[in-house]
N, C-alpha and C. Protein backbone atom coordinates (compact mmCIF):
# COMPACT_ATOMS: atom_id res chain seq x y z
N MET A 1 -12.10 -4.40 2.00
CA MET A 1 -11.25 -3.35 1.35
C MET A 1 -9.79 -3.94 1.62
N ALA A 2 -9.11 -3.62 0.82
CA ALA A 2 -7.54 -3.85 0.74
C ALA A 2 -6.83 -2.90 1.80
N LYS A 3 -5.82 -3.72 2.24
CA LYS A 3 -4.94 -2.75 3.19
C LYS A 3 -3.79 -2.09 2.17
N VAL A 4 -2.91 -1.02 2.69
CA VAL A 4 -1.88 -0.68 2.16
C VAL A 4 -0.75 -0.32 3.42
N ILE A 5 0.48 -0.66 2.98
CA ILE A 5 1.40 -0.18 3.90
C ILE A 5 2.21 1.01 3.55
N HIS A 6 2.30 1.97 3.93
CA HIS A 6 2.89 2.98 3.53
C HIS A 6 4.13 3.22 4.57
N VAL A 7 5.37 3.49 3.70
CA VAL A 7 6.73 3.46 4.21
C VAL A 7 7.46 4.74 4.01
N HIS A 8 7.49 5.57 4.97
CA HIS A 8 7.95 6.76 4.68
C HIS A 8 9.57 6.75 5.01
N LEU A 9 10.69 6.83 4.13
CA LEU A 9 11.89 6.95 4.70
C LEU A 9 12.48 8.20 5.27
N LEU A 10 13.12 8.43 6.32
CA LEU A 10 13.32 9.49 6.81
C LEU A 10 14.62 10.02 6.05
N HIS A 11 15.65 9.26 5.37
CA HIS A 11 16.32 9.49 4.63
C HIS A 11 16.46 8.88 3.31
N LYS A 12 16.82 9.34 2.40
CA LYS A 12 16.82 8.60 1.09
C LYS A 12 17.75 7.75 0.75
N ILE A 13 17.47 6.73 -0.11
CA ILE A 13 18.33 5.66 -0.33
C ILE A 13 19.39 6.19 -1.50
N ASP A 14 20.43 5.67 -1.33
CA ASP A 14 21.56 5.80 -2.70
C ASP A 14 20.91 5.49 -3.97
N GLY A 15 20.86 6.47 -4.78
CA GLY A 15 20.54 6.13 -6.08
C GLY A 15 19.15 6.26 -6.36
N THR A 16 18.43 6.60 -5.45
CA THR A 16 17.04 7.09 -5.64
C THR A 16 16.36 8.49 -4.86
N LYS A 17 15.48 8.98 -5.56
CA LYS A 17 14.90 10.23 -4.85
C LYS A 17 13.67 9.98 -3.81
N GLN A 18 13.21 8.72 -4.06
CA GLN A 18 11.94 8.21 -3.70
C GLN A 18 12.15 8.02 -2.03
N LYS A 19 11.18 8.62 -1.28
CA LYS A 19 11.17 8.58 0.09
C LYS A 19 9.79 7.91 0.48
N ASP A 20 9.08 7.72 -0.30
CA ASP A 20 7.39 7.22 0.05
C ASP A 20 7.16 5.95 -0.93
N TRP A 21 7.06 4.96 -0.22
CA TRP A 21 7.00 3.42 -0.81
C TRP A 21 5.39 2.86 -0.24
N TYR A 22 4.64 2.34 -1.08
CA TYR A 22 3.49 1.62 -1.09
C TYR A 22 3.61 0.26 -1.29
N PHE A 23 2.82 -0.65 -0.23
CA PHE A 23 3.05 -1.96 -0.23
C PHE A 23 1.76 -2.65 -0.25
N SER A 24 1.60 -3.86 -0.78
CA SER A 24 0.01 -4.67 -0.41
C SER A 24 0.43 -5.23 0.93
N SER A 25 1.50 -5.45 1.47
CA SER A 25 1.70 -6.15 2.57
C SER A 25 3.17 -5.82 3.40
N ILE A 26 3.28 -6.29 4.74
CA ILE A 26 4.45 -6.20 5.22
C ILE A 26 5.44 -7.00 4.62
N SER A 27 5.29 -8.36 4.07
CA SER A 27 6.17 -9.13 3.53
C SER A 27 6.79 -8.47 2.35
N ALA A 28 5.94 -7.81 1.43
CA ALA A 28 6.31 -7.03 0.40
C ALA A 28 7.24 -5.90 0.42
N VAL A 29 7.14 -5.38 1.70
CA VAL A 29 8.23 -4.14 1.94
C VAL A 29 9.69 -4.90 1.96
N TYR A 30 9.68 -6.01 2.21
CA TYR A 30 11.04 -6.72 2.14
C TYR A 30 11.58 -7.29 1.20
N THR A 31 10.86 -7.03 0.00
CA THR A 31 11.22 -7.24 -1.38
C THR A 31 11.67 -6.33 -2.02
N VAL A 32 11.79 -5.31 -1.51
CA VAL A 32 12.19 -4.02 -2.07
C VAL A 32 13.15 -3.23 -1.08
N LEU A 33 12.86 -3.34 0.22
CA LEU A 33 13.57 -2.69 1.20
C LEU A 33 14.38 -3.53 2.25
N THR A 34 15.49 -3.33 2.67
CA THR A 34 16.11 -4.13 3.57
C THR A 34 15.53 -3.66 5.20
N ALA A 35 15.89 -4.62 6.07
CA ALA A 35 15.57 -4.29 7.67
C ALA A 35 16.27 -2.93 7.85
N ASP A 36 17.65 -3.01 7.66
CA ASP A 36 18.46 -1.84 7.74
C ASP A 36 17.70 -0.56 7.16
N GLN A 37 17.27 -0.52 5.95
CA GLN A 37 16.78 0.82 5.31
C GLN A 37 15.44 1.22 6.18
N VAL A 38 14.73 0.30 6.78
CA VAL A 38 13.32 0.45 7.19
C VAL A 38 13.63 0.88 8.98
N GLY A 39 14.83 0.34 9.44
CA GLY A 39 14.94 0.25 10.93
C GLY A 39 14.05 -0.61 11.76
N ALA A 40 13.79 -1.60 11.03
CA ALA A 40 12.84 -2.76 11.85
C ALA A 40 12.99 -3.97 10.92
N THR A 41 13.00 -5.00 11.51
CA THR A 41 12.85 -6.18 10.69
C THR A 41 11.38 -6.82 10.28
N LYS A 42 11.20 -7.70 9.64
CA LYS A 42 10.10 -7.98 8.93
C LYS A 42 9.17 -8.64 10.28
N ASN A 43 9.68 -9.48 10.93
CA ASN A 43 9.19 -9.94 12.22
C ASN A 43 8.67 -9.00 13.23
N TYR A 44 9.37 -8.14 13.53
CA TYR A 44 9.11 -6.80 14.22
C TYR A 44 7.76 -6.25 13.80
N LEU A 45 7.61 -5.84 12.66
CA LEU A 45 6.65 -5.21 12.14
C LEU A 45 5.25 -6.28 12.13
N LEU A 46 5.50 -7.47 11.85
CA LEU A 46 4.52 -8.33 11.81
C LEU A 46 3.64 -8.27 13.28
N HIS A 47 4.43 -8.14 14.20
CA HIS A 47 3.81 -8.25 15.50
C HIS A 47 3.93 -6.97 16.42
N ALA A 48 4.15 -5.87 15.50
CA ALA A 48 4.06 -4.47 16.27
C ALA A 48 2.81 -3.80 16.60
N GLY A 49 1.61 -4.37 15.82
CA GLY A 49 0.39 -3.85 16.06
C GLY A 49 0.14 -2.89 14.72
N LEU A 50 0.59 -3.17 13.69
CA LEU A 50 -0.04 -2.13 12.52
C LEU A 50 -1.58 -2.39 12.17
N SER A 51 -1.96 -3.54 12.26
CA SER A 51 -3.35 -3.74 11.89
C SER A 51 -4.31 -2.71 12.78
N GLY A 52 -5.36 -2.16 12.15
CA GLY A 52 -6.26 -1.15 12.74
C GLY A 52 -5.80 0.29 12.50
N ASN A 53 -5.17 0.35 11.20
CA ASN A 53 -4.49 1.87 10.96
C ASN A 53 -3.19 2.25 11.89
N GLY A 54 -2.41 1.25 12.30
CA GLY A 54 -1.56 1.72 13.39
C GLY A 54 -0.42 2.27 12.61
N THR A 55 0.28 3.01 13.28
CA THR A 55 1.85 3.63 12.83
C THR A 55 2.69 3.22 13.67
N ILE A 56 3.99 2.74 13.23
CA ILE A 56 5.28 2.57 13.85
C ILE A 56 6.16 3.53 13.32
N CYS A 57 7.00 4.11 14.17
CA CYS A 57 8.08 5.04 13.89
C CYS A 57 9.31 4.49 14.45
N THR A 58 10.24 4.44 13.27
CA THR A 58 11.67 3.93 13.95
C THR A 58 12.68 4.97 13.57
N LYS A 59 14.12 4.80 13.67
CA LYS A 59 14.93 5.88 13.56
C LYS A 59 14.99 6.19 12.15
N LYS A 60 14.80 5.26 11.25
CA LYS A 60 14.68 5.49 9.81
C LYS A 60 13.61 5.73 8.88
N ALA A 61 12.47 5.20 9.43
CA ALA A 61 11.09 5.24 8.64
C ALA A 61 9.96 5.25 9.70
N ILE A 62 8.84 5.68 8.84
CA ILE A 62 7.68 5.85 9.59
C ILE A 62 6.77 4.83 8.81
N ILE A 63 6.19 3.78 9.34
CA ILE A 63 5.35 2.70 8.78
C ILE A 63 4.02 2.77 9.02
N LYS A 64 3.10 2.76 8.27
CA LYS A 64 1.68 3.15 8.45
C LYS A 64 0.91 2.00 7.74
N GLN A 65 0.01 1.39 8.35
CA GLN A 65 -0.82 0.66 7.72
C GLN A 65 -2.25 1.39 7.65
N SER A 66 -3.15 1.41 6.46
CA SER A 66 -4.29 2.04 6.02
C SER A 66 -5.09 1.18 5.25
N THR A 67 -6.26 1.60 4.70
CA THR A 67 -7.29 0.93 4.13
C THR A 67 -7.27 1.70 2.62
N LEU A 68 -7.12 0.69 1.57
CA LEU A 68 -7.23 1.49 0.51
C LEU A 68 -8.66 1.39 -0.07
N ILE A 69 -8.93 2.69 -0.50
CA ILE A 69 -10.18 3.01 -0.91
C ILE A 69 -10.22 3.05 -2.58
N SER A 70 -11.17 2.06 -2.97
CA SER A 70 -11.01 2.06 -4.48
C SER A 70 -12.39 2.59 -5.21
N GLY A 71 -12.57 3.06 -6.10
CA GLY A 71 -13.79 3.17 -6.74
C GLY A 71 -14.43 1.99 -7.43
N GLY A 72 -15.75 1.92 -7.50
CA GLY A 72 -16.39 0.55 -8.10
C GLY A 72 -17.82 1.19 -8.32
N SER A 73 -18.50 0.13 -8.53
CA SER A 73 -19.84 0.27 -9.04
C SER A 73 -20.92 0.25 -7.80
N LYS A 74 -20.48 0.13 -6.61
CA LYS A 74 -21.21 -0.02 -5.59
C LYS A 74 -22.08 1.37 -5.38
N GLY A 75 -23.21 1.18 -5.11
CA GLY A 75 -24.29 2.40 -4.95
C GLY A 75 -24.55 3.13 -6.21
N MET A 76 -24.06 2.84 -7.47
CA MET A 76 -24.11 3.15 -8.57
C MET A 76 -25.50 2.78 -9.17
N VAL A 77 -26.31 3.74 -9.92
CA VAL A 77 -27.61 3.40 -10.50
C VAL A 77 -27.31 3.35 -11.77
N ARG A 78 -27.84 2.34 -12.55
CA ARG A 78 -27.68 1.86 -14.02
C ARG A 78 -29.14 1.90 -14.57
N THR A 79 -29.20 2.56 -15.60
CA THR A 79 -30.21 2.63 -16.50
C THR A 79 -30.12 2.17 -17.72
N ILE A 80 -30.89 1.30 -18.19
CA ILE A 80 -31.03 0.70 -19.55
C ILE A 80 -31.99 1.38 -20.57
């Protein structure tokens, strides 16, 4: 299963209405958002214990790591 990083900004960024952002990794967060916008540095999040569906709250955002559930053929029965 893949992980997903959900960043919920407590305040909107100028020029956008989006407050919820979804990323495939902590590193990907910082390709779009800055440490100032998130309220934490990349290094801090990498060592803060997000694994295992953890949550980090800063003054500017709530950052959660979860498991991405996707559909597939597992368990499906195919008849031909």
